[in-house]
Amino acid sequence: MCAQRGLLWAAALGYKIPMQKNNQLIEAADGTPIAWSAHGQGPPLVFINGFTTSNFFWRYFSERFRHRATLIHWDYKGHGDSGPARSETGCSMTAMVDDLRRVMDAAGVERAPLIGFSMGCQVMFEAWRHIPERISAFVPILGTAGRVFDDLMPPFIGPLIGWSVRNQRPETFRKILSASAKLLQIPITHDLGRALGMIGTASRADMRRFRQHFARMDAVTVQRIGQAAAAHSALDVLPTISRPTLVVVGGRDTFTPAHVGRSLAADIPGAELLYLPRASHTGLFEHPGEIGVRVERFFLDHRLLG
């Protein structure tokens, strides 16, 4: 019944209802194969991943919506099931917005809410600069609008990661990424990550999925995307946003501290704020119910969900 109601609501809103598609590929402007999928029934919701993550980060959160919406997921170049970038320009923020547009085109989605995590928030706000007509709402979760490494884990770890992404030679960065992937396999790193506030209460099983994905990424592409994210800012477009916006902020997030998210909400006209005092940067694993309930109410309030 929920699925049928979702389909009727989508039709009433004038949405073109996407088909169910799994493990699909489109071609980016530079020829890179981009992996995407569509699941569920009803109005479309488009998800935008964080840096070095894939669709598994949404597995608990999206469960709430799969019977009431069509969930569109995709992987950045060099991540998940997408291919390594075939050009340096293909790793720019503008190129990632173009990848998003192509995924929406392939899925038959003319207009939809964008739900972004971490660096995915940068991508969604840059999308407002280029394809505002394709966006009906914004839900930035635990992210910022620019220069993703600037506020990352001060005073030492974040700046060190940012410096490595910006300045290391590609071959050196490849070795660093490979060594990091091996280091993440050591059981004690989970406890260390918790002690440093990097992973909060995320389970070992969830972090195992992250480690497996991390080990498969293309190092050159990851570094180039990281460099683009480090240099990019969409802060200038925030005051121009005229779509409903719900900003999700974590009180224990050491990657995107709470003051960054609060500032983001303050800069967007009419933005709503969900503050989760105990959420770390892995809040989508830790608090999917709290986030999901609030996002669902936000969509219902703005007539974006059946």
Foldseek 3Di string as FASTA:
>chain_A
DLLVVQQVLQVVVVWDKFDFFAQDWDAFPQGWTKTKGKAAHHAEEEEFEAQLDADLLQVLQCVVCRSWYIYMGIDQDQFDPIHHDPDLVCLALVSVLRVVVVSCVVRRQQAHAYEYAALRLLSVLVNCVPPVRRYAEYEYEAYFNAQQLPQAQDDPDSVVVLCCLQPPDLVVQVVVLQVVLVVLVPVCVVVVCCVSLNAAPFDPVSVVVSSVRSNRGDSVSSSSNSNNRNHDGSLVCQLVDDHAYEYEAELSANSRHRVRRVVSQVNHPPYHYDYHDRAYSSNSRVPSPVVNVVVVVSCVVVSNID
